[in-house]
Amino acid sequence: KLARRSSTSIDIVSEPGEVLSEAIEA
């Protein structure tokens, strides 16, 4: 079902930095 949607992704964040800050907010 998810594959039929326009965009589906899974991210696993593990390191400090700007990406982590955005992931924490999410």
PDB file of all heavy atoms in Angstrom:
ATOM      1  N   LYS A   1       0.830  -1.207   0.000  1.00  0.00           N
ATOM      2  CA  LYS A   1       0.000   0.000   0.000  1.00  0.00           C
ATOM      3  C   LYS A   1       0.866   1.260   0.000  1.00  0.00           C
ATOM      4  O   LYS A   1       0.592   2.211  -0.733  1.00  0.00           O
ATOM      5  CB  LYS A   1      -0.923   0.009   1.228  1.00  0.00           C
ATOM      6  CG  LYS A   1      -2.026  -1.039   1.206  1.00  0.00           C
ATOM      7  CD  LYS A   1      -2.866  -0.954   2.467  1.00  0.00           C
ATOM      8  CE  LYS A   1      -3.964  -2.000   2.483  1.00  0.00           C
ATOM      9  NZ  LYS A   1      -4.769  -1.955   3.749  1.00  0.00           N
ATOM     10  N   LEU A   2       1.906   1.241   0.833  1.00  0.00           N
ATOM     11  CA  LEU A   2       2.776   2.409   0.912  1.00  0.00           C
ATOM     12  C   LEU A   2       3.550   2.612  -0.381  1.00  0.00           C
ATOM     13  O   LEU A   2       3.823   3.754  -0.781  1.00  0.00           O
ATOM     14  CB  LEU A   2       3.746   2.265   2.092  1.00  0.00           C
ATOM     15  CG  LEU A   2       3.108   2.328   3.482  1.00  0.00           C
ATOM     16  CD1 LEU A   2       4.138   1.977   4.554  1.00  0.00           C
ATOM     17  CD2 LEU A   2       2.526   3.707   3.756  1.00  0.00           C
ATOM     18  N   ALA A   3       3.910   1.520  -1.039  1.00  0.00           N
ATOM     19  CA  ALA A   3       4.656   1.621  -2.296  1.00  0.00           C
ATOM     20  C   ALA A   3       3.833   2.281  -3.393  1.00  0.00           C
ATOM     21  O   ALA A   3       4.391   2.864  -4.331  1.00  0.00           O
ATOM     22  CB  ALA A   3       5.113   0.235  -2.741  1.00  0.00           C
ATOM     23  N   ARG A   4       2.512   2.184  -3.279  1.00  0.00           N
ATOM     24  CA  ARG A   4       1.649   2.801  -4.287  1.00  0.00           C
ATOM     25  C   ARG A   4       1.464   4.297  -4.054  1.00  0.00           C
ATOM     26  O   ARG A   4       0.924   4.993  -4.921  1.00  0.00           O
ATOM     27  CB  ARG A   4       0.278   2.108  -4.294  1.00  0.00           C
ATOM     28  CG  ARG A   4       0.317   0.670  -4.825  1.00  0.00           C
ATOM     29  CD  ARG A   4      -1.071   0.174  -5.160  1.00  0.00           C
ATOM     30  NE  ARG A   4      -1.872  -0.054  -3.970  1.00  0.00           N
ATOM     31  CZ  ARG A   4      -1.970  -1.220  -3.335  1.00  0.00           C
ATOM     32  NH1 ARG A   4      -1.289  -2.272  -3.793  1.00  0.00           N
ATOM     33  NH2 ARG A   4      -2.722  -1.353  -2.254  1.00  0.00           N
ATOM     34  N   ARG A   5       1.898   4.796  -2.885  1.00  0.00           N
ATOM     35  CA  ARG A   5       1.816   6.223  -2.629  1.00  0.00           C
ATOM     36  C   ARG A   5       2.924   6.950  -3.377  1.00  0.00           C
ATOM     37  O   ARG A   5       3.900   6.349  -3.842  1.00  0.00           O
ATOM     38  CB  ARG A   5       1.921   6.503  -1.128  1.00  0.00           C
ATOM     39  CG  ARG A   5       0.885   5.789  -0.275  1.00  0.00           C
ATOM     40  CD  ARG A   5      -0.512   6.325  -0.527  1.00  0.00           C
ATOM     41  NE  ARG A   5      -0.672   7.657   0.008  1.00  0.00           N
ATOM     42  CZ  ARG A   5      -1.325   7.934   1.134  1.00  0.00           C
ATOM     43  NH1 ARG A   5      -1.887   6.970   1.841  1.00  0.00           N
ATOM     44  NH2 ARG A   5      -1.429   9.187   1.545  1.00  0.00           N
ATOM     45  N   SER A   6       2.788   8.276  -3.501  1.00  0.00           N
ATOM     46  CA  SER A   6       3.749   9.027  -4.304  1.00  0.00           C
ATOM     47  C   SER A   6       5.156   8.984  -3.722  1.00  0.00           C
ATOM     48  O   SER A   6       6.141   8.958  -4.455  1.00  0.00           O
ATOM     49  CB  SER A   6       3.284  10.487  -4.423  1.00  0.00           C
ATOM     50  OG  SER A   6       3.187  11.087  -3.137  1.00  0.00           O
ATOM     51  N   SER A   7       5.276   8.970  -2.392  1.00  0.00           N
ATOM     52  CA  SER A   7       6.605   8.969  -1.802  1.00  0.00           C
ATOM     53  C   SER A   7       6.563   8.390  -0.394  1.00  0.00           C
ATOM     54  O   SER A   7       5.844   8.896   0.456  1.00  0.00           O
ATOM     55  CB  SER A   7       7.158  10.405  -1.753  1.00  0.00           C
ATOM     56  OG  SER A   7       8.409  10.437  -1.095  1.00  0.00           O
ATOM     57  N   THR A   8       7.331   7.340  -0.169  1.00  0.00           N
ATOM     58  CA  THR A   8       7.453   6.733   1.153  1.00  0.00           C
ATOM     59  C   THR A   8       8.929   6.463   1.413  1.00  0.00           C
ATOM     60  O   THR A   8       9.624   5.925   0.549  1.00  0.00           O
ATOM     61  CB  THR A   8       6.674   5.410   1.247  1.00  0.00           C
ATOM     62  OG1 THR A   8       5.311   5.639   0.916  1.00  0.00           O
ATOM     63  CG2 THR A   8       6.759   4.846   2.656  1.00  0.00           C
ATOM     64  N   SER A   9       9.411   6.842   2.595  1.00  0.00           N
ATOM     65  CA  SER A   9      10.811   6.610   2.924  1.00  0.00           C
ATOM     66  C   SER A   9      10.966   6.349   4.410  1.00  0.00           C
ATOM     67  O   SER A   9      10.143   6.777   5.219  1.00  0.00           O
ATOM     68  CB  SER A   9      11.676   7.809   2.521  1.00  0.00           C
ATOM     69  OG  SER A   9      11.314   8.963   3.265  1.00  0.00           O
ATOM     70  N   ILE A  10      12.027   5.633   4.755  1.00  0.00           N
ATOM     71  CA  ILE A  10      12.368   5.357   6.149  1.00  0.00           C
ATOM     72  C   ILE A  10      13.807   5.793   6.380  1.00  0.00           C
ATOM     73  O   ILE A  10      14.722   5.396   5.637  1.00  0.00           O
ATOM     74  CB  ILE A  10      12.202   3.857   6.482  1.00  0.00           C
ATOM     75  CG1 ILE A  10      10.720   3.464   6.440  1.00  0.00           C
ATOM     76  CG2 ILE A  10      12.793   3.553   7.863  1.00  0.00           C
ATOM     77  CD1 ILE A  10      10.479   1.992   6.689  1.00  0.00           C
ATOM     78  N   ASP A  11      14.011   6.622   7.388  1.00  0.00           N
ATOM     79  CA  ASP A  11      15.345   7.075   7.765  1.00  0.00           C
ATOM     80  C   ASP A  11      15.632   6.634   9.195  1.00  0.00           C
ATOM     81  O   ASP A  11      14.751   6.700  10.061  1.00  0.00           O
ATOM     82  CB  ASP A  11      15.453   8.600   7.683  1.00  0.00           C
ATOM     83  CG  ASP A  11      15.226   9.120   6.267  1.00  0.00           C
ATOM     84  OD1 ASP A  11      15.798   8.529   5.332  1.00  0.00           O
ATOM     85  OD2 ASP A  11      14.470  10.095   6.109  1.00  0.00           O
ATOM     86  N   ILE A  12      16.870   6.217   9.429  1.00  0.00           N
ATOM     87  CA  ILE A  12      17.315   5.864  10.778  1.00  0.00           C
ATOM     88  C   ILE A  12      18.494   6.757  11.116  1.00  0.00           C
ATOM     89  O   ILE A  12      19.567   6.630  10.542  1.00  0.00           O
ATOM     90  CB  ILE A  12      17.690   4.378  10.875  1.00  0.00           C
ATOM     91  CG1 ILE A  12      16.470   3.502  10.530  1.00  0.00           C
ATOM     92  CG2 ILE A  12      18.191   4.046  12.284  1.00  0.00           C
ATOM     93  CD1 ILE A  12      16.759   2.019  10.511  1.00  0.00           C
ATOM     94  N   VAL A  13      18.269   7.696  12.033  1.00  0.00           N
ATOM     95  CA  VAL A  13      19.268   8.706  12.383  1.00  0.00           C
ATOM     96  C   VAL A  13      19.996   8.264  13.651  1.00  0.00           C
ATOM     97  O   VAL A  13      19.362   7.868  14.627  1.00  0.00           O
ATOM     98  CB  VAL A  13      18.599  10.073  12.605  1.00  0.00           C
ATOM     99  CG1 VAL A  13      19.644  11.134  12.925  1.00  0.00           C
ATOM    100  CG2 VAL A  13      17.788  10.477  11.367  1.00  0.00           C
ATOM    101  N   SER A  14      21.319   8.351  13.624  1.00  0.00           N
ATOM    102  CA  SER A  14      22.086   7.880  14.780  1.00  0.00           C
ATOM    103  C   SER A  14      23.221   8.809  15.186  1.00  0.00           C
ATOM    104  O   SER A  14      23.824   8.606  16.243  1.00  0.00           O
ATOM    105  CB  SER A  14      22.669   6.488  14.486  1.00  0.00           C
ATOM    106  OG  SER A  14      23.501   6.534  13.333  1.00  0.00           O
ATOM    107  N   GLU A  15      23.542   9.819  14.386  1.00  0.00           N
ATOM    108  CA  GLU A  15      24.693  10.661  14.672  1.00  0.00           C
ATOM    109  C   GLU A  15      24.277  12.091  14.995  1.00  0.00           C
ATOM    110  O   GLU A  15      23.245  12.568  14.515  1.00  0.00           O
ATOM    111  CB  GLU A  15      25.651  10.663  13.468  1.00  0.00           C
ATOM    112  CG  GLU A  15      26.213   9.288  13.147  1.00  0.00           C
ATOM    113  CD  GLU A  15      27.159   9.334  11.966  1.00  0.00           C
ATOM    114  OE1 GLU A  15      27.312  10.432  11.382  1.00  0.00           O
ATOM    115  OE2 GLU A  15      27.751   8.298  11.637  1.00  0.00           O
ATOM    116  N   PRO A  16      25.085  12.797  15.816  1.00  0.00           N
ATOM    117  CA  PRO A  16      24.778  14.196  16.141  1.00  0.00           C
ATOM    118  C   PRO A  16      24.871  15.071  14.898  1.00  0.00           C
ATOM    119  O   PRO A  16      25.495  14.708  13.905  1.00  0.00           O
ATOM    120  CB  PRO A  16      25.861  14.563  17.164  1.00  0.00           C
ATOM    121  CG  PRO A  16      26.437  13.268  17.627  1.00  0.00           C
ATOM    122  CD  PRO A  16      26.289  12.307  16.500  1.00  0.00           C
ATOM    123  N   GLY A  17      24.218  16.234  14.979  1.00  0.00           N
ATOM    124  CA  GLY A  17      24.300  17.170  13.869  1.00  0.00           C
ATOM    125  C   GLY A  17      22.955  17.773  13.533  1.00  0.00           C
ATOM    126  O   GLY A  17      21.946  17.565  14.222  1.00  0.00           O
ATOM    127  N   GLU A  18      22.931  18.510  12.433  1.00  0.00           N
ATOM    128  CA  GLU A  18      21.710  19.194  12.017  1.00  0.00           C
ATOM    129  C   GLU A  18      20.613  18.210  11.657  1.00  0.00           C
ATOM    130  O   GLU A  18      19.433  18.429  11.956  1.00  0.00           O
ATOM    131  CB  GLU A  18      22.009  20.105  10.836  1.00  0.00           C
ATOM    132  CG  GLU A  18      20.816  20.935  10.381  1.00  0.00           C
ATOM    133  CD  GLU A  18      21.162  21.883   9.255  1.00  0.00           C
ATOM    134  OE1 GLU A  18      22.368  22.037   8.956  1.00  0.00           O
ATOM    135  OE2 GLU A  18      20.234  22.460   8.663  1.00  0.00           O
ATOM    136  N   VAL A  19      20.978  17.098  11.027  1.00  0.00           N
ATOM    137  CA  VAL A  19      19.980  16.095  10.661  1.00  0.00           C
ATOM    138  C   VAL A  19      19.300  15.547  11.910  1.00  0.00           C
ATOM    139  O   VAL A  19      18.086  15.342  11.933  1.00  0.00           O
ATOM    140  CB  VAL A  19      20.627  14.957   9.842  1.00  0.00           C
ATOM    141  CG1 VAL A  19      19.623  13.830   9.608  1.00  0.00           C
ATOM    142  CG2 VAL A  19      21.140  15.482   8.510  1.00  0.00           C
ATOM    143  N   LEU A  20      20.077  15.325  12.959  1.00  0.00           N
ATOM    144  CA  LEU A  20      19.501  14.823  14.209  1.00  0.00           C
ATOM    145  C   LEU A  20      18.554  15.849  14.817  1.00  0.00           C
ATOM    146  O   LEU A  20      17.472  15.493  15.305  1.00  0.00           O
ATOM    147  CB  LEU A  20      20.597  14.472  15.206  1.00  0.00           C
ATOM    148  CG  LEU A  20      20.113  14.049  16.595  1.00  0.00           C
ATOM    149  CD1 LEU A  20      19.254  12.794  16.512  1.00  0.00           C
ATOM    150  CD2 LEU A  20      21.293  13.836  17.536  1.00  0.00           C
ATOM    151  N   SER A  21      18.933  17.112  14.808  1.00  0.00           N
ATOM    152  CA  SER A  21      18.068  18.155  15.371  1.00  0.00           C
ATOM    153  C   SER A  21      16.719  18.179  14.660  1.00  0.00           C
ATOM    154  O   SER A  21      15.661  18.276  15.301  1.00  0.00           O
ATOM    155  CB  SER A  21      18.747  19.520  15.244  1.00  0.00           C
ATOM    156  OG  SER A  21      19.955  19.550  15.981  1.00  0.00           O
ATOM    157  N   GLU A  22      16.730  18.068  13.327  1.00  0.00           N
ATOM    158  CA  GLU A  22      15.484  18.044  12.568  1.00  0.00           C
ATOM    159  C   GLU A  22      14.689  16.777  12.863  1.00  0.00           C
ATOM    160  O   GLU A  22      13.456  16.808  12.954  1.00  0.00           O
ATOM    161  CB  GLU A  22      15.788  18.147  11.074  1.00  0.00           C
ATOM    162  CG  GLU A  22      16.422  19.480  10.676  1.00  0.00           C
ATOM    163  CD  GLU A  22      16.848  19.494   9.222  1.00  0.00           C
ATOM    164  OE1 GLU A  22      16.774  18.422   8.574  1.00  0.00           O
ATOM    165  OE2 GLU A  22      17.270  20.565   8.739  1.00  0.00           O
ATOM    166  N   ALA A  23      15.408  15.656  13.033  1.00  0.00           N
ATOM    167  CA  ALA A  23      14.735  14.389  13.332  1.00  0.00           C
ATOM    168  C   ALA A  23      14.081  14.426  14.710  1.00  0.00           C
ATOM    169  O   ALA A  23      12.975  13.899  14.904  1.00  0.00           O
ATOM    170  CB  ALA A  23      15.737  13.237  13.247  1.00  0.00           C
ATOM    171  N   ILE A  24      14.754  15.048  15.682  1.00  0.00           N
ATOM    172  CA  ILE A  24      14.183  15.167  17.020  1.00  0.00           C
ATOM    173  C   ILE A  24      12.913  16.009  16.988  1.00  0.00           C
ATOM    174  O   ILE A  24      11.905  15.678  17.629  1.00  0.00           O
ATOM    175  CB  ILE A  24      15.214  15.763  18.000  1.00  0.00           C
ATOM    176  CG1 ILE A  24      16.339  14.746  18.260  1.00  0.00           C
ATOM    177  CG2 ILE A  24      14.552  16.158  19.323  1.00  0.00           C
ATOM    178  CD1 ILE A  24      17.459  15.274  19.127  1.00  0.00           C
ATOM    179  N   GLU A  25      12.939  17.101  16.241  1.00  0.00           N
ATOM    180  CA  GLU A  25      11.749  17.941  16.105  1.00  0.00           C
ATOM    181  C   GLU A  25      10.600  17.152  15.474  1.00  0.00           C
ATOM    182  O   GLU A  25       9.443  17.277  15.897  1.00  0.00           O
ATOM    183  CB  GLU A  25      12.071  19.173  15.265  1.00  0.00           C
ATOM    184  CG  GLU A  25      12.993  20.166  15.950  1.00  0.00           C
ATOM    185  CD  GLU A  25      13.258  21.384  15.082  1.00  0.00           C
ATOM    186  OE1 GLU A  25      12.658  21.466  13.992  1.00  0.00           O
ATOM    187  OE2 GLU A  25      14.056  22.243  15.491  1.00  0.00           O
ATOM    188  N   ALA A  26      10.910  16.353  14.462  1.00  0.00           N
ATOM    189  CA  ALA A  26       9.880  15.541  13.806  1.00  0.00           C
ATOM    190  C   ALA A  26       9.309  14.518  14.778  1.00  0.00           C
ATOM    191  O   ALA A  26       8.089  14.301  14.838  1.00  0.00           O
ATOM    192  CB  ALA A  26      10.463  14.850  12.576  1.00  0.00           C
TER     193      ALA A  26
END
